[in-house]
PDB file of all heavy atoms in Angstrom:
ATOM      1  N   VAL A   1     -32.677 -68.474  34.621  1.00  0.00           N
ATOM      2  CA  VAL A   1     -32.179 -69.383  33.606  1.00  0.00           C
ATOM      3  C   VAL A   1     -30.767 -68.959  33.226  1.00  0.00           C
ATOM      4  O   VAL A   1     -30.502 -67.771  32.996  1.00  0.00           O
ATOM      5  CB  VAL A   1     -33.086 -69.391  32.371  1.00  0.00           C
ATOM      6  CG1 VAL A   1     -32.479 -70.233  31.260  1.00  0.00           C
ATOM      7  CG2 VAL A   1     -34.468 -69.908  32.739  1.00  0.00           C
ATOM      8  N   GLN A   2     -29.872 -69.922  33.144  1.00  0.00           N
ATOM      9  CA  GLN A   2     -28.507 -69.674  32.705  1.00  0.00           C
ATOM     10  C   GLN A   2     -28.308 -70.251  31.309  1.00  0.00           C
ATOM     11  O   GLN A   2     -28.729 -71.377  31.031  1.00  0.00           O
ATOM     12  CB  GLN A   2     -27.495 -70.290  33.667  1.00  0.00           C
ATOM     13  CG  GLN A   2     -27.479 -69.668  35.050  1.00  0.00           C
ATOM     14  CD  GLN A   2     -28.582 -70.223  35.931  1.00  0.00           C
ATOM     15  OE1 GLN A   2     -28.815 -71.429  35.968  1.00  0.00           O
ATOM     16  NE2 GLN A   2     -29.262 -69.343  36.657  1.00  0.00           N
ATOM     17  N   LEU A   3     -27.657 -69.487  30.449  1.00  0.00           N
ATOM     18  CA  LEU A   3     -27.384 -69.896  29.084  1.00  0.00           C
ATOM     19  C   LEU A   3     -25.880 -69.886  28.854  1.00  0.00           C
ATOM     20  O   LEU A   3     -25.213 -68.900  29.161  1.00  0.00           O
ATOM     21  CB  LEU A   3     -28.057 -68.958  28.086  1.00  0.00           C
ATOM     22  CG  LEU A   3     -29.569 -68.765  28.239  1.00  0.00           C
ATOM     23  CD1 LEU A   3     -30.066 -67.706  27.264  1.00  0.00           C
ATOM     24  CD2 LEU A   3     -30.299 -70.083  28.000  1.00  0.00           C
ATOM     25  N   VAL A   4     -25.350 -70.970  28.318  1.00  0.00           N
ATOM     26  CA  VAL A   4     -23.926 -71.097  28.062  1.00  0.00           C
ATOM     27  C   VAL A   4     -23.717 -71.456  26.603  1.00  0.00           C
ATOM     28  O   VAL A   4     -24.144 -72.520  26.152  1.00  0.00           O
ATOM     29  CB  VAL A   4     -23.279 -72.158  28.969  1.00  0.00           C
ATOM     30  CG1 VAL A   4     -21.790 -72.264  28.667  1.00  0.00           C
ATOM     31  CG2 VAL A   4     -23.492 -71.807  30.435  1.00  0.00           C
ATOM     32  N   GLU A   5     -23.028 -70.566  25.867  1.00  0.00           N
ATOM     33  CA  GLU A   5     -22.751 -70.791  24.451  1.00  0.00           C
ATOM     34  C   GLU A   5     -21.356 -71.372  24.258  1.00  0.00           C
ATOM     35  O   GLU A   5     -20.460 -71.160  25.076  1.00  0.00           O
ATOM     36  CB  GLU A   5     -22.838 -69.482  23.649  1.00  0.00           C
ATOM     37  CG  GLU A   5     -24.098 -68.673  23.870  1.00  0.00           C
ATOM     38  CD  GLU A   5     -23.870 -67.513  24.813  1.00  0.00           C
ATOM     39  OE1 GLU A   5     -23.080 -67.662  25.773  1.00  0.00           O
ATOM     40  OE2 GLU A   5     -24.481 -66.443  24.596  1.00  0.00           O
ATOM     41  N   SER A   6     -21.186 -72.049  23.140  1.00  0.00           N
ATOM     42  CA  SER A   6     -19.880 -72.533  22.737  1.00  0.00           C
ATOM     43  C   SER A   6     -19.887 -72.758  21.230  1.00  0.00           C
ATOM     44  O   SER A   6     -20.945 -72.749  20.597  1.00  0.00           O
ATOM     45  CB  SER A   6     -19.501 -73.822  23.466  1.00  0.00           C
ATOM     46  OG  SER A   6     -20.401 -74.870  23.146  1.00  0.00           O
ATOM     47  N   GLY A   7     -18.709 -72.955  20.657  1.00  0.00           N
ATOM     48  CA  GLY A   7     -18.597 -73.305  19.256  1.00  0.00           C
ATOM     49  C   GLY A   7     -18.052 -72.234  18.347  1.00  0.00           C
ATOM     50  O   GLY A   7     -17.826 -72.497  17.157  1.00  0.00           O
ATOM     51  N   GLY A   8     -17.842 -71.030  18.851  1.00  0.00           N
ATOM     52  CA  GLY A   8     -17.281 -69.983  18.024  1.00  0.00           C
ATOM     53  C   GLY A   8     -15.823 -70.244  17.704  1.00  0.00           C
ATOM     54  O   GLY A   8     -15.182 -71.125  18.274  1.00  0.00           O
ATOM     55  N   GLY A   9     -15.288 -69.464  16.763  1.00  0.00           N
ATOM     56  CA  GLY A   9     -13.900 -69.626  16.382  1.00  0.00           C
ATOM     57  C   GLY A   9     -13.546 -68.793  15.182  1.00  0.00           C
ATOM     58  O   GLY A   9     -14.322 -67.957  14.725  1.00  0.00           O
ATOM     59  N   LEU A  10     -12.339 -69.021  14.679  1.00  0.00           N
ATOM     60  CA  LEU A  10     -11.810 -68.329  13.511  1.00  0.00           C
ATOM     61  C   LEU A  10     -11.842 -69.271  12.318  1.00  0.00           C
ATOM     62  O   LEU A  10     -11.256 -70.356  12.359  1.00  0.00           O
ATOM     63  CB  LEU A  10     -10.380 -67.858  13.782  1.00  0.00           C
ATOM     64  CG  LEU A  10      -9.613 -67.262  12.606  1.00  0.00           C
ATOM     65  CD1 LEU A  10     -10.301 -65.999  12.106  1.00  0.00           C
ATOM     66  CD2 LEU A  10      -8.172 -66.986  13.004  1.00  0.00           C
ATOM     67  N   VAL A  11     -12.527 -68.847  11.255  1.00  0.00           N
ATOM     68  CA  VAL A  11     -12.646 -69.655  10.048  1.00  0.00           C
ATOM     69  C   VAL A  11     -12.461 -68.767   8.830  1.00  0.00           C
ATOM     70  O   VAL A  11     -12.479 -67.538   8.921  1.00  0.00           O
ATOM     71  CB  VAL A  11     -14.001 -70.380   9.963  1.00  0.00           C
ATOM     72  CG1 VAL A  11     -14.173 -71.345  11.127  1.00  0.00           C
ATOM     73  CG2 VAL A  11     -15.143 -69.369   9.923  1.00  0.00           C
ATOM     74  N   GLN A  12     -12.294 -69.404   7.681  1.00  0.00           N
ATOM     75  CA  GLN A  12     -12.211 -68.689   6.416  1.00  0.00           C
ATOM     76  C   GLN A  12     -13.578 -68.587   5.766  1.00  0.00           C
ATOM     77  O   GLN A  12     -14.480 -69.374   6.058  1.00  0.00           O
ATOM     78  CB  GLN A  12     -11.240 -69.388   5.473  1.00  0.00           C
ATOM     79  CG  GLN A  12      -9.799 -69.384   5.937  1.00  0.00           C
ATOM     80  CD  GLN A  12      -8.867 -70.043   4.936  1.00  0.00           C
ATOM     81  OE1 GLN A  12      -9.289 -70.830   4.096  1.00  0.00           O
ATOM     82  NE2 GLN A  12      -7.585 -69.719   5.026  1.00  0.00           N
ATOM     83  N   ALA A  13     -13.727 -67.613   4.894  1.00  0.00           N
ATOM     84  CA  ALA A  13     -14.973 -67.461   4.164  1.00  0.00           C
ATOM     85  C   ALA A  13     -15.328 -68.756   3.446  1.00  0.00           C
ATOM     86  O   ALA A  13     -14.480 -69.396   2.827  1.00  0.00           O
ATOM     87  CB  ALA A  13     -14.867 -66.314   3.166  1.00  0.00           C
ATOM     88  N   GLY A  14     -16.593 -69.139   3.549  1.00  0.00           N
ATOM     89  CA  GLY A  14     -17.067 -70.371   2.966  1.00  0.00           C
ATOM     90  C   GLY A  14     -17.069 -71.554   3.909  1.00  0.00           C
ATOM     91  O   GLY A  14     -17.698 -72.575   3.606  1.00  0.00           O
ATOM     92  N   ASP A  15     -16.395 -71.438   5.040  1.00  0.00           N
ATOM     93  CA  ASP A  15     -16.358 -72.516   6.024  1.00  0.00           C
ATOM     94  C   ASP A  15     -17.636 -72.550   6.851  1.00  0.00           C
ATOM     95  O   ASP A  15     -18.519 -71.700   6.701  1.00  0.00           O
ATOM     96  CB  ASP A  15     -15.150 -72.361   6.943  1.00  0.00           C
ATOM     97  CG  ASP A  15     -13.851 -72.694   6.261  1.00  0.00           C
ATOM     98  OD1 ASP A  15     -13.880 -73.210   5.125  1.00  0.00           O
ATOM     99  OD2 ASP A  15     -12.789 -72.432   6.862  1.00  0.00           O
ATOM    100  N   SER A  16     -17.702 -73.519   7.748  1.00  0.00           N
ATOM    101  CA  SER A  16     -18.874 -73.710   8.591  1.00  0.00           C
ATOM    102  C   SER A  16     -18.493 -73.737  10.059  1.00  0.00           C
ATOM    103  O   SER A  16     -17.381 -74.101  10.428  1.00  0.00           O
ATOM    104  CB  SER A  16     -19.587 -75.020   8.236  1.00  0.00           C
ATOM    105  OG  SER A  16     -20.070 -75.014   6.909  1.00  0.00           O
ATOM    106  N   LEU A  17     -19.438 -73.354  10.897  1.00  0.00           N
ATOM    107  CA  LEU A  17     -19.337 -73.476  12.341  1.00  0.00           C
ATOM    108  C   LEU A  17     -20.683 -73.923  12.880  1.00  0.00           C
ATOM    109  O   LEU A  17     -21.723 -73.651  12.277  1.00  0.00           O
ATOM    110  CB  LEU A  17     -18.947 -72.159  13.001  1.00  0.00           C
ATOM    111  CG  LEU A  17     -17.493 -71.701  12.931  1.00  0.00           C
ATOM    112  CD1 LEU A  17     -17.380 -70.282  13.491  1.00  0.00           C
ATOM    113  CD2 LEU A  17     -16.587 -72.647  13.697  1.00  0.00           C
ATOM    114  N   ARG A  18     -20.640 -74.582  14.021  1.00  0.00           N
ATOM    115  CA  ARG A  18     -21.862 -74.956  14.712  1.00  0.00           C
ATOM    116  C   ARG A  18     -21.809 -74.446  16.140  1.00  0.00           C
ATOM    117  O   ARG A  18     -20.983 -74.903  16.940  1.00  0.00           O
ATOM    118  CB  ARG A  18     -22.057 -76.471  14.708  1.00  0.00           C
ATOM    119  CG  ARG A  18     -23.454 -76.902  15.156  1.00  0.00           C
ATOM    120  CD  ARG A  18     -23.557 -78.399  15.301  1.00  0.00           C
ATOM    121  NE  ARG A  18     -24.940 -78.842  15.466  1.00  0.00           N
ATOM    122  CZ  ARG A  18     -25.302 -80.014  15.981  1.00  0.00           C
ATOM    123  NH1 ARG A  18     -24.375 -80.882  16.360  1.00  0.00           N
ATOM    124  NH2 ARG A  18     -26.584 -80.332  16.082  1.00  0.00           N
ATOM    125  N   LEU A  19     -22.670 -73.509  16.454  1.00  0.00           N
ATOM    126  CA  LEU A  19     -22.769 -72.968  17.796  1.00  0.00           C
ATOM    127  C   LEU A  19     -23.768 -73.781  18.602  1.00  0.00           C
ATOM    128  O   LEU A  19     -24.759 -74.268  18.071  1.00  0.00           O
ATOM    129  CB  LEU A  19     -23.217 -71.507  17.770  1.00  0.00           C
ATOM    130  CG  LEU A  19     -22.430 -70.547  16.873  1.00  0.00           C
ATOM    131  CD1 LEU A  19     -22.985 -69.134  17.021  1.00  0.00           C
ATOM    132  CD2 LEU A  19     -20.951 -70.594  17.190  1.00  0.00           C
ATOM    133  N   SER A  20     -23.512 -73.895  19.890  1.00  0.00           N
ATOM    134  CA  SER A  20     -24.435 -74.581  20.776  1.00  0.00           C
ATOM    135  C   SER A  20     -24.721 -73.719  21.990  1.00  0.00           C
ATOM    136  O   SER A  20     -23.909 -72.888  22.389  1.00  0.00           O
ATOM    137  CB  SER A  20     -23.887 -75.941  21.210  1.00  0.00           C
ATOM    138  OG  SER A  20     -22.724 -75.798  22.004  1.00  0.00           O
ATOM    139  N   CYS A  21     -25.881 -73.931  22.575  1.00  0.00           N
ATOM    140  CA  CYS A  21     -26.295 -73.201  23.766  1.00  0.00           C
ATOM    141  C   CYS A  21     -27.075 -74.143  24.655  1.00  0.00           C
ATOM    142  O   CYS A  21     -28.086 -74.714  24.222  1.00  0.00           O
ATOM    143  CB  CYS A  21     -27.152 -71.996  23.386  1.00  0.00           C
ATOM    144  SG  CYS A  21     -27.852 -71.122  24.802  1.00  0.00           S
ATOM    145  N   ALA A  22     -26.619 -74.294  25.886  1.00  0.00           N
ATOM    146  CA  ALA A  22     -27.280 -75.148  26.864  1.00  0.00           C
ATOM    147  C   ALA A  22     -27.918 -74.287  27.942  1.00  0.00           C
ATOM    148  O   ALA A  22     -27.279 -73.386  28.486  1.00  0.00           O
ATOM    149  CB  ALA A  22     -26.291 -76.123  27.485  1.00  0.00           C
ATOM    150  N   ALA A  23     -29.165 -74.569  28.250  1.00  0.00           N
ATOM    151  CA  ALA A  23     -29.898 -73.842  29.275  1.00  0.00           C
ATOM    152  C   ALA A  23     -29.996 -74.671  30.542  1.00  0.00           C
ATOM    153  O   ALA A  23     -30.153 -75.891  30.493  1.00  0.00           O
ATOM    154  CB  ALA A  23     -31.302 -73.486  28.784  1.00  0.00           C
ATOM    155  N   SER A  24     -29.916 -74.002  31.681  1.00  0.00           N
ATOM    156  CA  SER A  24     -30.045 -74.669  32.966  1.00  0.00           C
ATOM    157  C   SER A  24     -30.711 -73.729  33.952  1.00  0.00           C
ATOM    158  O   SER A  24     -30.917 -72.553  33.668  1.00  0.00           O
ATOM    159  CB  SER A  24     -28.683 -75.117  33.499  1.00  0.00           C
ATOM    160  OG  SER A  24     -27.834 -74.005  33.727  1.00  0.00           O
ATOM    161  N   GLY A  25     -31.045 -74.260  35.117  1.00  0.00           N
ATOM    162  CA  GLY A  25     -31.701 -73.473  36.137  1.00  0.00           C
ATOM    163  C   GLY A  25     -33.209 -73.603  36.055  1.00  0.00           C
ATOM    164  O   GLY A  25     -33.730 -74.671  35.725  1.00  0.00           O
ATOM    165  N   ARG A  26     -33.882 -72.523  36.337  1.00  0.00           N
ATOM    166  CA  ARG A  26     -35.339 -72.514  36.344  1.00  0.00           C
ATOM    167  C   ARG A  26     -35.853 -72.435  34.923  1.00  0.00           C
ATOM    168  O   ARG A  26     -35.762 -71.392  34.274  1.00  0.00           O
ATOM    169  CB  ARG A  26     -35.848 -71.337  37.169  1.00  0.00           C
ATOM    170  CG  ARG A  26     -37.357 -71.285  37.307  1.00  0.00           C
ATOM    171  CD  ARG A  26     -37.780 -70.103  38.144  1.00  0.00           C
ATOM    172  NE  ARG A  26     -39.221 -70.004  38.267  1.00  0.00           N
ATOM    173  CZ  ARG A  26     -39.862 -69.051  38.919  1.00  0.00           C
ATOM    174  NH1 ARG A  26     -39.169 -68.099  39.532  1.00  0.00           N
ATOM    175  NH2 ARG A  26     -41.186 -69.043  38.969  1.00  0.00           N
ATOM    176  N   THR A  27     -36.376 -73.536  34.456  1.00  0.00           N
ATOM    177  CA  THR A  27     -36.892 -73.601  33.098  1.00  0.00           C
ATOM    178  C   THR A  27     -38.389 -73.865  33.113  1.00  0.00           C
ATOM    179  O   THR A  27     -38.922 -74.495  34.027  1.00  0.00           O
ATOM    180  CB  THR A  27     -36.182 -74.690  32.288  1.00  0.00           C
ATOM    181  OG1 THR A  27     -36.348 -75.957  32.929  1.00  0.00           O
ATOM    182  CG2 THR A  27     -34.699 -74.369  32.172  1.00  0.00           C
ATOM    183  N   LEU A  28     -39.043 -73.383  32.106  1.00  0.00           N
ATOM    184  CA  LEU A  28     -40.476 -73.524  31.960  1.00  0.00           C
ATOM    185  C   LEU A  28     -40.805 -74.071  30.578  1.00  0.00           C
ATOM    186  O   LEU A  28     -39.971 -74.032  29.665  1.00  0.00           O
ATOM    187  CB  LEU A  28     -41.177 -72.182  32.165  1.00  0.00           C
ATOM    188  CG  LEU A  28     -40.980 -71.492  33.512  1.00  0.00           C
ATOM    189  CD1 LEU A  28     -41.595 -70.097  33.467  1.00  0.00           C
ATOM    190  CD2 LEU A  28     -41.593 -72.301  34.638  1.00  0.00           C
ATOM    191  N   SER A  29     -41.990 -74.551  30.429  1.00  0.00           N
ATOM    192  CA  SER A  29     -42.466 -74.956  29.124  1.00  0.00           C
ATOM    193  C   SER A  29     -42.807 -73.716  28.303  1.00  0.00           C
ATOM    194  O   SER A  29     -42.822 -72.591  28.810  1.00  0.00           O
ATOM    195  CB  SER A  29     -43.685 -75.870  29.261  1.00  0.00           C
ATOM    196  OG  SER A  29     -44.746 -75.202  29.922  1.00  0.00           O
ATOM    197  N   ASN A  30     -43.039 -73.934  27.026  1.00  0.00           N
ATOM    198  CA  ASN A  30     -43.382 -72.854  26.100  1.00  0.00           C
ATOM    199  C   ASN A  30     -42.262 -71.833  25.933  1.00  0.00           C
ATOM    200  O   ASN A  30     -42.503 -70.641  25.777  1.00  0.00           O
ATOM    201  CB  ASN A  30     -44.675 -72.157  26.523  1.00  0.00           C
ATOM    202  CG  ASN A  30     -45.850 -73.086  26.589  1.00  0.00           C
ATOM    203  OD1 ASN A  30     -46.016 -73.956  25.734  1.00  0.00           O
ATOM    204  ND2 ASN A  30     -46.687 -72.924  27.602  1.00  0.00           N
TER     205      ASN A  30
END
């Protein structure tokens, strides 16, 4: 399984970020 993250960055205290992670390759249930 391959995992690819994105969404990081530089922000000020009190700000928001949304990280994402997409999985690919051999995936299973559960």
